[in-house]
Amino acid sequence: MRSITKKILAILILGSTFFLSAQEEELHQKINQDMYGNFSEAYEKLDYSLFASIHSKEMIRISGGNGGEIKNVKKYMESSQKRWSDPKTKASPIDFRLFERVTSDSLVSDRGIYRVTYKNDKGEAKYSYGQFHVVLRLEDSFWKILIDYDSNEKNTINKQSFDDAFSLSDYKKYWKHRY
């Protein structure tokens, strides 16, 4: 009888571990799609509506580093819409990598590195890098940017910084467990 109880207990433990792991994977995929997938798509397609949709109506934007500036969502969206509606603006792919994620039931704090790819007149790729810290809030079942801070840290953020951070899909390396 004891042997059967141990086997049942082992099966229950394995089942719950598998279930929790699947829930973790789903959580990170949802965060990554809502935030980084949509952000990247908006940049590539110059889709201002998609870009605006990933920001909370209470969002605060902070540009650190050289000069520094804080904007509320209205001012930030106005400047973004103006820039994105300029016919000279070219689509620029943006990629993200993370070195830290902290989660709760309704908030996420992500810190990482981004890389924007620009093409010059000769079609050559040029890169711009920055470090960011976003706080996301779950609003109507979507993760939206509540606080967005970025800086190039006086031009010290570079390819090496980007390469040293982790792929979005590798959440087990950057996620700070909450248990």
N, C-alpha and C. Protein backbone atom coordinates (compact mmCIF):
# COMPACT_ATOMS: atom_id res chain seq x y z
N MET A 1 0.81 -1.19 0.00
CA MET A 1 0.00 0.00 0.00
C MET A 1 0.86 1.27 0.00
N ARG A 2 1.91 1.24 0.79
CA ARG A 2 2.80 2.38 0.87
C ARG A 2 3.44 2.69 -0.47
N SER A 3 3.80 1.67 -1.22
CA SER A 3 4.41 1.81 -2.53
C SER A 3 3.46 2.50 -3.51
N ILE A 4 2.20 2.16 -3.44
CA ILE A 4 1.20 2.78 -4.32
C ILE A 4 1.03 4.24 -3.95
N THR A 5 0.99 4.56 -2.67
CA THR A 5 0.86 5.94 -2.21
C THR A 5 2.05 6.78 -2.68
N LYS A 6 3.26 6.24 -2.58
CA LYS A 6 4.45 6.96 -3.04
C LYS A 6 4.39 7.21 -4.53
N LYS A 7 3.93 6.23 -5.30
CA LYS A 7 3.82 6.39 -6.75
C LYS A 7 2.78 7.45 -7.11
N ILE A 8 1.66 7.44 -6.42
CA ILE A 8 0.62 8.44 -6.67
C ILE A 8 1.13 9.82 -6.32
N LEU A 9 1.82 9.93 -5.20
CA LEU A 9 2.39 11.21 -4.78
C LEU A 9 3.40 11.70 -5.81
N ALA A 10 4.26 10.83 -6.30
CA ALA A 10 5.25 11.20 -7.31
C ALA A 10 4.57 11.67 -8.59
N ILE A 11 3.51 11.00 -8.99
CA ILE A 11 2.77 11.39 -10.20
C ILE A 11 2.14 12.77 -10.01
N LEU A 12 1.56 13.02 -8.83
CA LEU A 12 0.96 14.32 -8.55
C LEU A 12 2.00 15.44 -8.56
N ILE A 13 3.15 15.18 -7.99
CA ILE A 13 4.22 16.19 -7.96
C ILE A 13 4.70 16.48 -9.38
N LEU A 14 4.95 15.44 -10.16
CA LEU A 14 5.38 15.63 -11.55
C LEU A 14 4.32 16.37 -12.35
N GLY A 15 3.07 16.03 -12.16
CA GLY A 15 1.98 16.69 -12.87
C GLY A 15 1.89 18.16 -12.53
N SER A 16 2.00 18.48 -11.22
CA SER A 16 1.95 19.90 -10.85
C SER A 16 3.15 20.67 -11.35
N THR A 17 4.32 20.05 -11.35
CA THR A 17 5.51 20.72 -11.88
C THR A 17 5.34 21.02 -13.36
N PHE A 18 4.84 20.05 -14.12
CA PHE A 18 4.60 20.25 -15.54
C PHE A 18 3.57 21.36 -15.76
N PHE A 19 2.50 21.37 -14.97
CA PHE A 19 1.45 22.38 -15.08
C PHE A 19 2.01 23.77 -14.79
N LEU A 20 2.79 23.92 -13.72
CA LEU A 20 3.39 25.22 -13.38
C LEU A 20 4.35 25.69 -14.47
N SER A 21 5.14 24.78 -15.01
CA SER A 21 6.07 25.13 -16.07
C SER A 21 5.33 25.62 -17.31
N ALA A 22 4.22 24.97 -17.66
CA ALA A 22 3.42 25.39 -18.80
C ALA A 22 2.80 26.76 -18.55
N GLN A 23 2.38 27.02 -17.31
CA GLN A 23 1.82 28.33 -16.97
C GLN A 23 2.88 29.42 -17.08
N GLU A 24 4.10 29.13 -16.61
CA GLU A 24 5.21 30.09 -16.72
C GLU A 24 5.47 30.42 -18.18
N GLU A 25 5.58 29.39 -19.00
CA GLU A 25 5.84 29.58 -20.43
C GLU A 25 4.76 30.45 -21.06
N GLU A 26 3.52 30.18 -20.74
CA GLU A 26 2.39 30.94 -21.29
C GLU A 26 2.45 32.40 -20.85
N LEU A 27 2.76 32.64 -19.57
CA LEU A 27 2.87 34.00 -19.06
C LEU A 27 3.92 34.79 -19.83
N HIS A 28 5.11 34.22 -20.00
CA HIS A 28 6.19 34.93 -20.67
C HIS A 28 5.91 35.13 -22.15
N GLN A 29 5.30 34.16 -22.78
CA GLN A 29 4.93 34.33 -24.19
C GLN A 29 3.92 35.47 -24.35
N LYS A 30 2.96 35.56 -23.44
CA LYS A 30 1.95 36.61 -23.49
C LYS A 30 2.58 37.99 -23.28
N ILE A 31 3.43 38.12 -22.30
CA ILE A 31 4.12 39.39 -22.05
C ILE A 31 4.94 39.77 -23.28
N ASN A 32 5.71 38.82 -23.78
CA ASN A 32 6.60 39.11 -24.91
C ASN A 32 5.84 39.48 -26.17
N GLN A 33 4.70 38.85 -26.42
CA GLN A 33 3.91 39.21 -27.60
C GLN A 33 3.24 40.56 -27.41
N ASP A 34 2.56 40.75 -26.26
CA ASP A 34 1.85 42.01 -26.03
C ASP A 34 2.79 43.21 -26.10
N MET A 35 3.96 43.07 -25.53
CA MET A 35 4.89 44.20 -25.48
C MET A 35 5.85 44.19 -26.66
N TYR A 36 6.74 43.23 -26.70
CA TYR A 36 7.85 43.26 -27.66
C TYR A 36 7.44 42.88 -29.08
N GLY A 37 6.54 41.92 -29.21
CA GLY A 37 6.06 41.55 -30.54
C GLY A 37 5.33 42.71 -31.20
N ASN A 38 4.41 43.32 -30.45
CA ASN A 38 3.65 44.45 -31.01
C ASN A 38 4.53 45.69 -31.20
N PHE A 39 5.44 45.93 -30.29
CA PHE A 39 6.35 47.08 -30.41
C PHE A 39 7.19 46.93 -31.68
N SER A 40 7.75 45.75 -31.87
CA SER A 40 8.59 45.50 -33.05
C SER A 40 7.79 45.62 -34.34
N GLU A 41 6.58 45.06 -34.34
CA GLU A 41 5.73 45.14 -35.53
C GLU A 41 5.38 46.60 -35.86
N ALA A 42 5.08 47.38 -34.84
CA ALA A 42 4.76 48.80 -35.05
C ALA A 42 5.94 49.53 -35.68
N TYR A 43 7.15 49.26 -35.21
CA TYR A 43 8.35 49.90 -35.76
C TYR A 43 8.58 49.49 -37.21
N GLU A 44 8.41 48.22 -37.49
CA GLU A 44 8.66 47.72 -38.85
C GLU A 44 7.64 48.22 -39.85
N LYS A 45 6.40 48.42 -39.40
CA LYS A 45 5.33 48.84 -40.32
C LYS A 45 4.98 50.31 -40.19
N LEU A 46 5.68 51.02 -39.31
CA LEU A 46 5.35 52.42 -39.00
C LEU A 46 3.86 52.54 -38.66
N ASP A 47 3.40 51.63 -37.83
CA ASP A 47 1.98 51.55 -37.46
C ASP A 47 1.78 52.28 -36.12
N TYR A 48 1.44 53.56 -36.23
CA TYR A 48 1.26 54.36 -35.03
C TYR A 48 0.13 53.83 -34.15
N SER A 49 -0.96 53.38 -34.75
CA SER A 49 -2.10 52.87 -33.96
C SER A 49 -1.69 51.69 -33.10
N LEU A 50 -0.94 50.76 -33.69
CA LEU A 50 -0.46 49.61 -32.92
C LEU A 50 0.49 50.08 -31.82
N PHE A 51 1.38 51.01 -32.16
CA PHE A 51 2.32 51.56 -31.18
C PHE A 51 1.56 52.19 -30.01
N ALA A 52 0.57 53.00 -30.31
CA ALA A 52 -0.21 53.67 -29.26
C ALA A 52 -0.97 52.65 -28.40
N SER A 53 -1.41 51.55 -29.01
CA SER A 53 -2.24 50.58 -28.28
C SER A 53 -1.48 49.82 -27.20
N ILE A 54 -0.16 49.83 -27.24
CA ILE A 54 0.59 49.09 -26.21
C ILE A 54 0.96 49.96 -25.01
N HIS A 55 0.51 51.20 -25.02
CA HIS A 55 0.80 52.13 -23.93
C HIS A 55 -0.45 52.36 -23.08
N SER A 56 -0.26 52.34 -21.77
CA SER A 56 -1.34 52.65 -20.84
C SER A 56 -1.73 54.12 -21.00
N LYS A 57 -2.97 54.43 -20.73
CA LYS A 57 -3.42 55.83 -20.79
C LYS A 57 -2.80 56.65 -19.65
N GLU A 58 -2.14 55.99 -18.71
CA GLU A 58 -1.48 56.68 -17.59
C GLU A 58 0.05 56.61 -17.72
N MET A 59 0.55 56.24 -18.87
CA MET A 59 1.97 56.00 -19.08
C MET A 59 2.83 57.25 -18.84
N ILE A 60 4.02 57.00 -18.34
CA ILE A 60 5.04 58.03 -18.15
C ILE A 60 6.25 57.61 -18.97
N ARG A 61 6.80 58.52 -19.76
CA ARG A 61 7.97 58.25 -20.60
C ARG A 61 9.14 59.07 -20.09
N ILE A 62 10.25 58.38 -19.83
CA ILE A 62 11.45 59.05 -19.32
C ILE A 62 12.60 58.75 -20.26
N SER A 63 13.18 59.80 -20.81
CA SER A 63 14.39 59.66 -21.62
C SER A 63 15.54 60.10 -20.73
N GLY A 64 16.38 59.16 -20.36
CA GLY A 64 17.50 59.48 -19.48
C GLY A 64 18.74 59.84 -20.26
N GLY A 65 19.85 59.76 -19.57
CA GLY A 65 21.13 60.02 -20.24
C GLY A 65 21.33 61.48 -20.56
N ASN A 66 21.69 61.75 -21.78
CA ASN A 66 22.03 63.11 -22.22
C ASN A 66 20.82 64.04 -22.15
N GLY A 67 20.78 64.91 -21.19
CA GLY A 67 19.72 65.90 -21.09
C GLY A 67 18.54 65.47 -20.25
N GLY A 68 17.98 64.34 -20.53
CA GLY A 68 16.85 63.82 -19.76
C GLY A 68 15.56 64.58 -19.98
N GLU A 69 14.45 63.85 -19.99
CA GLU A 69 13.15 64.46 -20.19
C GLU A 69 12.07 63.49 -19.70
N ILE A 70 11.02 64.03 -19.12
CA ILE A 70 9.87 63.24 -18.69
C ILE A 70 8.64 63.76 -19.41
N LYS A 71 7.89 62.83 -20.01
CA LYS A 71 6.67 63.20 -20.73
C LYS A 71 5.51 62.35 -20.23
N ASN A 72 4.32 62.96 -20.17
CA ASN A 72 3.13 62.16 -19.90
C ASN A 72 2.72 61.51 -21.21
N VAL A 73 1.74 60.64 -21.16
CA VAL A 73 1.36 59.87 -22.34
C VAL A 73 0.89 60.77 -23.48
N LYS A 74 0.17 61.83 -23.16
CA LYS A 74 -0.35 62.72 -24.21
C LYS A 74 0.79 63.35 -24.99
N LYS A 75 1.76 63.93 -24.29
CA LYS A 75 2.89 64.57 -24.98
C LYS A 75 3.74 63.56 -25.72
N TYR A 76 3.95 62.40 -25.13
CA TYR A 76 4.76 61.38 -25.78
C TYR A 76 4.08 60.88 -27.05
N MET A 77 2.79 60.63 -26.99
CA MET A 77 2.07 60.13 -28.17
C MET A 77 1.99 61.20 -29.26
N GLU A 78 1.83 62.46 -28.87
CA GLU A 78 1.82 63.53 -29.88
C GLU A 78 3.15 63.59 -30.63
N SER A 79 4.26 63.52 -29.89
CA SER A 79 5.57 63.59 -30.56
C SER A 79 5.82 62.32 -31.38
N SER A 80 5.35 61.18 -30.90
CA SER A 80 5.51 59.93 -31.65
C SER A 80 4.70 59.97 -32.93
N GLN A 81 3.46 60.44 -32.84
CA GLN A 81 2.61 60.48 -34.03
C GLN A 81 3.19 61.43 -35.07
N LYS A 82 3.71 62.55 -34.62
CA LYS A 82 4.32 63.53 -35.53
C LYS A 82 5.53 62.90 -36.25
N ARG A 83 6.37 62.23 -35.49
CA ARG A 83 7.57 61.61 -36.07
C ARG A 83 7.18 60.50 -37.03
N TRP A 84 6.21 59.67 -36.66
CA TRP A 84 5.85 58.53 -37.49
C TRP A 84 5.04 58.93 -38.72
N SER A 85 4.40 60.10 -38.69
CA SER A 85 3.63 60.53 -39.86
C SER A 85 4.48 61.32 -40.84
N ASP A 86 5.71 61.64 -40.49
CA ASP A 86 6.63 62.34 -41.40
C ASP A 86 6.98 61.41 -42.56
N PRO A 87 6.75 61.84 -43.80
CA PRO A 87 7.02 60.96 -44.95
C PRO A 87 8.50 60.56 -45.08
N LYS A 88 9.38 61.28 -44.44
CA LYS A 88 10.82 60.95 -44.48
C LYS A 88 11.18 59.82 -43.52
N THR A 89 10.29 59.50 -42.59
CA THR A 89 10.56 58.45 -41.61
C THR A 89 10.55 57.10 -42.30
N LYS A 90 11.60 56.34 -42.06
CA LYS A 90 11.71 55.00 -42.65
C LYS A 90 11.47 53.95 -41.57
N ALA A 91 10.90 52.84 -41.97
CA ALA A 91 10.70 51.74 -41.04
C ALA A 91 12.05 51.28 -40.52
N SER A 92 12.11 50.99 -39.25
CA SER A 92 13.36 50.58 -38.61
C SER A 92 13.10 49.40 -37.70
N PRO A 93 13.58 48.23 -38.07
CA PRO A 93 13.38 47.08 -37.17
C PRO A 93 14.01 47.34 -35.81
N ILE A 94 13.33 46.90 -34.77
CA ILE A 94 13.85 47.02 -33.41
C ILE A 94 13.82 45.64 -32.77
N ASP A 95 14.90 45.30 -32.10
CA ASP A 95 15.03 44.01 -31.42
C ASP A 95 15.29 44.26 -29.95
N PHE A 96 14.82 43.33 -29.13
CA PHE A 96 14.95 43.46 -27.68
C PHE A 96 15.61 42.22 -27.10
N ARG A 97 16.39 42.44 -26.06
CA ARG A 97 16.94 41.35 -25.26
C ARG A 97 16.82 41.80 -23.80
N LEU A 98 16.68 40.85 -22.90
CA LEU A 98 16.48 41.18 -21.49
C LEU A 98 17.59 40.64 -20.61
N PHE A 99 17.82 41.35 -19.50
CA PHE A 99 18.70 40.79 -18.48
C PHE A 99 17.99 40.67 -17.14
N GLU A 100 16.72 41.18 -17.06
CA GLU A 100 15.97 40.99 -15.83
C GLU A 100 14.48 41.16 -16.08
N ARG A 101 13.70 40.26 -15.48
CA ARG A 101 12.24 40.40 -15.45
C ARG A 101 11.79 40.04 -14.04
N VAL A 102 10.98 40.91 -13.46
CA VAL A 102 10.35 40.66 -12.16
C VAL A 102 8.85 40.74 -12.40
N THR A 103 8.10 39.75 -11.91
CA THR A 103 6.67 39.71 -12.17
C THR A 103 5.84 39.66 -10.89
N SER A 104 4.64 40.17 -11.00
CA SER A 104 3.60 39.96 -9.99
C SER A 104 2.34 39.60 -10.77
N ASP A 105 1.22 39.54 -10.10
CA ASP A 105 -0.01 39.18 -10.79
C ASP A 105 -0.43 40.20 -11.84
N SER A 106 -0.13 41.49 -11.60
CA SER A 106 -0.62 42.52 -12.52
C SER A 106 0.45 43.49 -13.00
N LEU A 107 1.70 43.30 -12.56
CA LEU A 107 2.79 44.18 -12.98
C LEU A 107 4.00 43.35 -13.41
N VAL A 108 4.74 43.92 -14.35
CA VAL A 108 6.00 43.31 -14.80
C VAL A 108 7.03 44.42 -14.90
N SER A 109 8.22 44.16 -14.40
CA SER A 109 9.34 45.07 -14.57
C SER A 109 10.37 44.36 -15.44
N ASP A 110 10.66 44.93 -16.60
CA ASP A 110 11.66 44.38 -17.52
C ASP A 110 12.79 45.37 -17.71
N ARG A 111 14.01 44.85 -17.63
CA ARG A 111 15.19 45.67 -17.94
C ARG A 111 15.97 44.95 -19.03
N GLY A 112 16.45 45.71 -19.99
CA GLY A 112 17.18 45.07 -21.08
C GLY A 112 17.82 46.06 -22.02
N ILE A 113 18.15 45.55 -23.20
CA ILE A 113 18.84 46.31 -24.24
C ILE A 113 18.03 46.22 -25.52
N TYR A 114 17.94 47.33 -26.24
CA TYR A 114 17.30 47.28 -27.55
C TYR A 114 18.31 47.67 -28.63
N ARG A 115 18.01 47.23 -29.85
CA ARG A 115 18.83 47.59 -31.01
C ARG A 115 17.88 47.99 -32.13
N VAL A 116 18.06 49.20 -32.64
CA VAL A 116 17.29 49.67 -33.79
C VAL A 116 18.21 49.61 -35.00
N THR A 117 17.70 49.07 -36.11
CA THR A 117 18.48 48.96 -37.34
C THR A 117 17.98 50.00 -38.33
N TYR A 118 18.90 50.84 -38.77
CA TYR A 118 18.59 51.86 -39.77
C TYR A 118 19.35 51.53 -41.05
N LYS A 119 18.79 51.91 -42.16
CA LYS A 119 19.50 51.77 -43.45
C LYS A 119 19.88 53.17 -43.93
N ASN A 120 21.16 53.34 -44.29
CA ASN A 120 21.56 54.62 -44.84
C ASN A 120 21.20 54.69 -46.32
N ASP A 121 21.54 55.78 -46.98
CA ASP A 121 21.18 55.96 -48.39
C ASP A 121 21.80 54.91 -49.29
N LYS A 122 22.86 54.28 -48.86
CA LYS A 122 23.52 53.24 -49.65
C LYS A 122 22.95 51.85 -49.33
N GLY A 123 21.96 51.80 -48.44
CA GLY A 123 21.35 50.52 -48.07
C GLY A 123 22.14 49.76 -47.01
N GLU A 124 23.13 50.39 -46.42
CA GLU A 124 23.95 49.74 -45.40
C GLU A 124 23.25 49.85 -44.04
N ALA A 125 23.32 48.79 -43.27
CA ALA A 125 22.69 48.77 -41.95
C ALA A 125 23.56 49.51 -40.93
N LYS A 126 22.92 50.36 -40.18
CA LYS A 126 23.55 51.07 -39.06
C LYS A 126 22.71 50.77 -37.83
N TYR A 127 23.36 50.66 -36.68
CA TYR A 127 22.65 50.25 -35.47
C TYR A 127 22.71 51.32 -34.39
N SER A 128 21.64 51.41 -33.65
CA SER A 128 21.55 52.28 -32.48
C SER A 128 21.14 51.39 -31.31
N TYR A 129 21.81 51.55 -30.17
CA TYR A 129 21.54 50.71 -29.01
C TYR A 129 21.12 51.58 -27.83
N GLY A 130 20.35 51.00 -26.95
CA GLY A 130 19.97 51.68 -25.72
C GLY A 130 19.60 50.67 -24.66
N GLN A 131 19.64 51.14 -23.44
CA GLN A 131 19.21 50.31 -22.31
C GLN A 131 17.84 50.81 -21.89
N PHE A 132 16.95 49.91 -21.51
CA PHE A 132 15.61 50.33 -21.13
C PHE A 132 15.16 49.64 -19.85
N HIS A 133 14.18 50.26 -19.23
CA HIS A 133 13.48 49.69 -18.09
C HIS A 133 12.01 50.05 -18.29
N VAL A 134 11.17 49.04 -18.46
CA VAL A 134 9.73 49.28 -18.58
C VAL A 134 9.00 48.59 -17.43
N VAL A 135 7.94 49.24 -17.00
CA VAL A 135 7.00 48.62 -16.08
C VAL A 135 5.72 48.45 -16.87
N LEU A 136 5.26 47.21 -16.95
CA LEU A 136 4.04 46.88 -17.67
C LEU A 136 2.93 46.60 -16.67
N ARG A 137 1.71 46.95 -17.06
CA ARG A 137 0.56 46.67 -16.21
C ARG A 137 -0.46 45.90 -17.04
N LEU A 138 -1.08 44.92 -16.42
CA LEU A 138 -2.12 44.14 -17.09
C LEU A 138 -3.41 44.97 -17.11
N GLU A 139 -3.84 45.33 -18.33
CA GLU A 139 -5.05 46.14 -18.50
C GLU A 139 -5.93 45.45 -19.54
N ASP A 140 -7.13 45.09 -19.15
CA ASP A 140 -8.07 44.43 -20.06
C ASP A 140 -7.41 43.24 -20.77
N SER A 141 -6.70 42.43 -20.02
CA SER A 141 -6.05 41.20 -20.49
C SER A 141 -4.85 41.44 -21.40
N PHE A 142 -4.33 42.66 -21.48
CA PHE A 142 -3.13 42.95 -22.27
C PHE A 142 -2.09 43.65 -21.40
N TRP A 143 -0.83 43.29 -21.61
CA TRP A 143 0.27 43.95 -20.91
C TRP A 143 0.57 45.25 -21.64
N LYS A 144 0.47 46.37 -20.90
CA LYS A 144 0.69 47.70 -21.50
C LYS A 144 1.79 48.43 -20.73
N ILE A 145 2.47 49.32 -21.44
CA ILE A 145 3.57 50.07 -20.85
C ILE A 145 3.00 51.14 -19.92
N LEU A 146 3.39 51.08 -18.65
CA LEU A 146 3.00 52.08 -17.67
C LEU A 146 4.13 53.09 -17.47
N ILE A 147 5.35 52.59 -17.37
CA ILE A 147 6.54 53.44 -17.26
C ILE A 147 7.57 52.94 -18.27
N ASP A 148 8.14 53.89 -19.02
CA ASP A 148 9.11 53.55 -20.05
C ASP A 148 10.32 54.47 -19.89
N TYR A 149 11.43 53.90 -19.50
CA TYR A 149 12.68 54.65 -19.33
C TYR A 149 13.72 54.06 -20.28
N ASP A 150 14.43 54.92 -20.99
CA ASP A 150 15.56 54.42 -21.75
C ASP A 150 16.68 55.44 -21.80
N SER A 151 17.88 54.93 -22.08
CA SER A 151 19.07 55.76 -22.14
C SER A 151 20.15 54.99 -22.90
N ASN A 152 21.02 55.74 -23.57
CA ASN A 152 22.17 55.07 -24.19
C ASN A 152 23.37 55.08 -23.24
N GLU A 153 23.11 55.52 -22.00
CA GLU A 153 24.14 55.54 -20.96
C GLU A 153 25.42 56.20 -21.47
N LYS A 154 25.25 57.41 -22.01
CA LYS A 154 26.37 58.19 -22.55
C LYS A 154 27.14 57.41 -23.61
N ASN A 155 26.36 56.78 -24.50
CA ASN A 155 26.90 56.01 -25.63
C ASN A 155 27.75 54.81 -25.23
N THR A 156 27.48 54.24 -24.05
CA THR A 156 28.23 53.05 -23.63
C THR A 156 27.48 51.76 -23.96
N ILE A 157 26.22 51.87 -24.38
CA ILE A 157 25.44 50.68 -24.73
C ILE A 157 25.77 50.35 -26.19
N ASN A 158 26.16 49.12 -26.43
CA ASN A 158 26.65 48.75 -27.76
C ASN A 158 26.29 47.30 -28.10
N LYS A 159 26.86 46.81 -29.18
CA LYS A 159 26.59 45.44 -29.63
C LYS A 159 26.92 44.43 -28.54
N GLN A 160 28.01 44.64 -27.84
CA GLN A 160 28.39 43.72 -26.76
C GLN A 160 27.32 43.69 -25.67
N SER A 161 26.81 44.86 -25.31
CA SER A 161 25.73 44.94 -24.31
C SER A 161 24.52 44.14 -24.78
N PHE A 162 24.17 44.32 -26.05
CA PHE A 162 23.03 43.61 -26.64
C PHE A 162 23.27 42.10 -26.62
N ASP A 163 24.45 41.68 -27.06
CA ASP A 163 24.77 40.25 -27.12
C ASP A 163 24.84 39.61 -25.73
N ASP A 164 25.21 40.39 -24.71
CA ASP A 164 25.32 39.86 -23.35
C ASP A 164 23.96 39.63 -22.68
N ALA A 165 22.95 40.32 -23.15
CA ALA A 165 21.59 40.12 -22.60
C ALA A 165 21.00 38.85 -23.22
N PHE A 166 19.84 38.43 -22.72
CA PHE A 166 19.25 37.15 -23.12
C PHE A 166 18.10 37.33 -24.10
N SER A 167 17.96 36.36 -24.98
CA SER A 167 16.85 36.31 -25.92
C SER A 167 15.53 36.32 -25.14
N LEU A 168 14.51 36.96 -25.71
CA LEU A 168 13.21 37.01 -25.05
C LEU A 168 12.67 35.62 -24.74
N SER A 169 12.98 34.65 -25.59
CA SER A 169 12.46 33.30 -25.40
C SER A 169 13.17 32.54 -24.27
N ASP A 170 14.28 33.08 -23.78
CA ASP A 170 15.08 32.40 -22.76
C ASP A 170 14.76 32.94 -21.36
N TYR A 171 13.46 32.99 -21.02
CA TYR A 171 13.02 33.65 -19.79
C TYR A 171 13.60 33.05 -18.52
N LYS A 172 13.98 31.80 -18.54
CA LYS A 172 14.52 31.18 -17.32
C LYS A 172 15.85 31.81 -16.91
N LYS A 173 16.51 32.49 -17.84
CA LYS A 173 17.79 33.13 -17.52
C LYS A 173 17.61 34.55 -16.98
N TYR A 174 16.53 35.23 -17.34
CA TYR A 174 16.37 36.62 -16.88
C TYR A 174 15.23 36.82 -15.89
N TRP A 175 14.39 35.83 -15.70
CA TRP A 175 13.23 35.97 -14.82
C TRP A 175 13.62 35.76 -13.37
N LYS A 176 13.23 36.70 -12.53
CA LYS A 176 13.41 36.58 -11.09
C LYS A 176 12.16 35.89 -10.54
N HIS A 177 12.31 34.66 -10.12
CA HIS A 177 11.17 33.88 -9.67
C HIS A 177 10.48 34.53 -8.48
N ARG A 178 9.18 34.39 -8.46
CA ARG A 178 8.43 34.99 -7.36
C ARG A 178 8.11 34.00 -6.26
N TYR A 179 8.56 32.75 -6.37
CA TYR A 179 8.31 31.79 -5.30
C TYR A 179 9.59 31.53 -4.55
